[in-house]
Amino acid sequence: MTLLVTLFAAVISTILWYKNAPGDEYKIRTLCFIYWGASIMWFVDAVFEYAELKAAYFTPAPADMLNDLFLGLSAVVLGLIIWLVILLFKDPKGVFRKKRQAG
């Protein structure tokens, strides 16, 4: 479930980046890298878990699925927070720069 959540986030962010690719004013490329990196990490985790559990990998307990969903959503939210911090430091619209000059 963590892999699916991060893959959806990676695909959506990639589509958004591709639409705005020439300028990439909001640094969506960074968000893509964060989510694709998380997706690769969860894919490797899934491969090793499958190697350990074999067929049982495909029949997880509902509580395990819920925990994985929360973990995946947490990873997506953490990626968004990191991206927002980077965006605030880069200040592509110059909002903070204008505030400093005016004040």
C-alpha atoms as a PDB file:
ATOM      1  CA  MET A   1       0.000   0.000   0.000  1.00  0.00           C
ATOM      2  CA  THR A   2       2.886   2.376   0.699  1.00  0.00           C
ATOM      3  CA  LEU A   3       4.209   1.697  -2.786  1.00  0.00           C
ATOM      4  CA  LEU A   4       0.843   2.469  -4.380  1.00  0.00           C
ATOM      5  CA  VAL A   5       0.379   5.715  -2.466  1.00  0.00           C
ATOM      6  CA  THR A   6       3.840   7.014  -3.308  1.00  0.00           C
ATOM      7  CA  LEU A   7       3.527   5.889  -6.937  1.00  0.00           C
ATOM      8  CA  PHE A   8       0.276   7.825  -7.300  1.00  0.00           C
ATOM      9  CA  ALA A   9       1.946  10.887  -5.780  1.00  0.00           C
ATOM     10  CA  ALA A  10       4.959  10.448  -8.081  1.00  0.00           C
ATOM     11  CA  VAL A  11       2.814  10.134 -11.204  1.00  0.00           C
ATOM     12  CA  ILE A  12       0.631  13.118 -10.294  1.00  0.00           C
ATOM     13  CA  SER A  13       3.623  15.313  -9.489  1.00  0.00           C
ATOM     14  CA  THR A  14       5.333  14.236 -12.707  1.00  0.00           C
ATOM     15  CA  ILE A  15       2.266  15.192 -14.746  1.00  0.00           C
ATOM     16  CA  LEU A  16       2.154  18.575 -13.013  1.00  0.00           C
ATOM     17  CA  TRP A  17       5.872  19.067 -13.617  1.00  0.00           C
ATOM     18  CA  TYR A  18       5.555  18.118 -17.300  1.00  0.00           C
ATOM     19  CA  LYS A  19       2.760  20.646 -17.822  1.00  0.00           C
ATOM     20  CA  ASN A  20       4.947  23.386 -16.322  1.00  0.00           C
ATOM     21  CA  ALA A  21       8.304  21.985 -17.511  1.00  0.00           C
ATOM     22  CA  PRO A  22       9.810  24.884 -19.418  1.00  0.00           C
ATOM     23  CA  GLY A  23       9.657  27.286 -16.468  1.00  0.00           C
ATOM     24  CA  ASP A  24       9.236  25.019 -13.432  1.00  0.00           C
ATOM     25  CA  GLU A  25       8.754  28.146 -11.350  1.00  0.00           C
ATOM     26  CA  TYR A  26       7.477  26.214  -8.330  1.00  0.00           C
ATOM     27  CA  LYS A  27      10.263  23.617  -8.319  1.00  0.00           C
ATOM     28  CA  ILE A  28       7.856  20.723  -8.905  1.00  0.00           C
ATOM     29  CA  ARG A  29      10.826  18.802 -10.271  1.00  0.00           C
ATOM     30  CA  THR A  30      12.105  18.534  -6.688  1.00  0.00           C
ATOM     31  CA  LEU A  31       8.769  17.104  -5.571  1.00  0.00           C
ATOM     32  CA  CYS A  32       8.989  14.537  -8.383  1.00  0.00           C
ATOM     33  CA  PHE A  33      12.433  13.449  -7.219  1.00  0.00           C
ATOM     34  CA  ILE A  34      11.210  13.096  -3.640  1.00  0.00           C
ATOM     35  CA  TYR A  35       8.238  10.928  -4.624  1.00  0.00           C
ATOM     36  CA  TRP A  36      10.085   8.818  -7.189  1.00  0.00           C
ATOM     37  CA  GLY A  37      12.832   8.214  -4.633  1.00  0.00           C
ATOM     38  CA  ALA A  38      10.243   7.101  -2.084  1.00  0.00           C
ATOM     39  CA  SER A  39       8.596   4.872  -4.707  1.00  0.00           C
ATOM     40  CA  ILE A  40      11.907   3.186  -5.509  1.00  0.00           C
ATOM     41  CA  MET A  41      12.536   2.680  -1.804  1.00  0.00           C
ATOM     42  CA  TRP A  42       9.103   1.053  -1.275  1.00  0.00           C
ATOM     43  CA  PHE A  43       9.569  -1.073  -4.408  1.00  0.00           C
ATOM     44  CA  VAL A  44      12.849  -2.479  -3.071  1.00  0.00           C
ATOM     45  CA  ASP A  45      11.124  -3.089   0.260  1.00  0.00           C
ATOM     46  CA  ALA A  46       8.302  -4.941  -1.532  1.00  0.00           C
ATOM     47  CA  VAL A  47      10.766  -7.125  -3.444  1.00  0.00           C
ATOM     48  CA  PHE A  48      12.569  -8.153  -0.264  1.00  0.00           C
ATOM     49  CA  GLU A  49       9.302  -8.719   1.592  1.00  0.00           C
ATOM     50  CA  TYR A  50       8.017 -10.880  -1.258  1.00  0.00           C
ATOM     51  CA  ALA A  51      11.249 -12.887  -1.211  1.00  0.00           C
ATOM     52  CA  GLU A  52      10.665 -13.544   2.464  1.00  0.00           C
ATOM     53  CA  LEU A  53       6.903 -14.217   2.487  1.00  0.00           C
ATOM     54  CA  LYS A  54       6.293 -15.650  -1.016  1.00  0.00           C
ATOM     55  CA  ALA A  55       2.527 -16.149  -1.610  1.00  0.00           C
ATOM     56  CA  ALA A  56       1.602 -14.786   1.837  1.00  0.00           C
ATOM     57  CA  TYR A  57       2.757 -11.375   0.608  1.00  0.00           C
ATOM     58  CA  PHE A  58      -0.461 -11.060  -1.417  1.00  0.00           C
ATOM     59  CA  THR A  59      -2.802 -11.702   1.529  1.00  0.00           C
ATOM     60  CA  PRO A  60      -1.960  -9.077   4.163  1.00  0.00           C
ATOM     61  CA  ALA A  61      -4.081  -8.586   7.244  1.00  0.00           C
ATOM     62  CA  PRO A  62      -6.438  -5.579   7.125  1.00  0.00           C
ATOM     63  CA  ALA A  63      -4.591  -3.975  10.051  1.00  0.00           C
ATOM     64  CA  ASP A  64      -1.312  -4.262   8.140  1.00  0.00           C
ATOM     65  CA  MET A  65      -2.887  -2.667   5.077  1.00  0.00           C
ATOM     66  CA  LEU A  66      -4.209   0.212   7.172  1.00  0.00           C
ATOM     67  CA  ASN A  67      -0.796   0.737   8.769  1.00  0.00           C
ATOM     68  CA  ASP A  68       0.838   0.715   5.336  1.00  0.00           C
ATOM     69  CA  LEU A  69      -1.732   3.227   4.071  1.00  0.00           C
ATOM     70  CA  PHE A  70      -0.987   5.595   6.952  1.00  0.00           C
ATOM     71  CA  LEU A  71       2.750   5.171   6.394  1.00  0.00           C
ATOM     72  CA  GLY A  72       2.386   5.938   2.684  1.00  0.00           C
ATOM     73  CA  LEU A  73       0.257   8.999   3.366  1.00  0.00           C
ATOM     74  CA  SER A  74       2.771  10.141   5.976  1.00  0.00           C
ATOM     75  CA  ALA A  75       5.564   9.820   3.410  1.00  0.00           C
ATOM     76  CA  VAL A  76       3.563  11.886   0.913  1.00  0.00           C
ATOM     77  CA  VAL A  77       2.833  14.590   3.485  1.00  0.00           C
ATOM     78  CA  LEU A  78       6.475  14.678   4.590  1.00  0.00           C
ATOM     79  CA  GLY A  79       7.507  15.060   0.950  1.00  0.00           C
ATOM     80  CA  LEU A  80       5.097  17.976   0.584  1.00  0.00           C
ATOM     81  CA  ILE A  81       6.466  19.635   3.727  1.00  0.00           C
ATOM     82  CA  ILE A  82      10.047  19.296   2.475  1.00  0.00           C
ATOM     83  CA  TRP A  83       9.019  20.703  -0.913  1.00  0.00           C
ATOM     84  CA  LEU A  84       7.236  23.653   0.723  1.00  0.00           C
ATOM     85  CA  VAL A  85      10.290  24.481   2.834  1.00  0.00           C
ATOM     86  CA  ILE A  86      12.480  24.401  -0.286  1.00  0.00           C
ATOM     87  CA  LEU A  87       9.937  26.536  -2.126  1.00  0.00           C
ATOM     88  CA  LEU A  88       9.867  29.103   0.686  1.00  0.00           C
ATOM     89  CA  PHE A  89      13.665  29.349   0.698  1.00  0.00           C
ATOM     90  CA  LYS A  90      13.866  29.697  -3.100  1.00  0.00           C
ATOM     91  CA  ASP A  91      11.001  32.269  -3.100  1.00  0.00           C
ATOM     92  CA  PRO A  92      10.307  32.094  -6.868  1.00  0.00           C
ATOM     93  CA  LYS A  93       7.770  34.947  -6.827  1.00  0.00           C
ATOM     94  CA  GLY A  94       9.990  37.157  -4.658  1.00  0.00           C
ATOM     95  CA  VAL A  95       7.280  37.655  -2.023  1.00  0.00           C
ATOM     96  CA  PHE A  96       9.634  37.621   0.959  1.00  0.00           C
ATOM     97  CA  ARG A  97      12.205  39.706  -0.883  1.00  0.00           C
ATOM     98  CA  LYS A  98       9.575  42.405  -1.541  1.00  0.00           C
ATOM     99  CA  LYS A  99       8.478  42.337   2.112  1.00  0.00           C
ATOM    100  CA  ARG A 100      12.051  42.840   3.305  1.00  0.00           C
ATOM    101  CA  GLN A 101      12.630  45.736   0.937  1.00  0.00           C
ATOM    102  CA  ALA A 102       9.350  47.432   1.882  1.00  0.00           C
ATOM    103  CA  GLY A 103       9.786  46.966   5.642  1.00  0.00           C
END
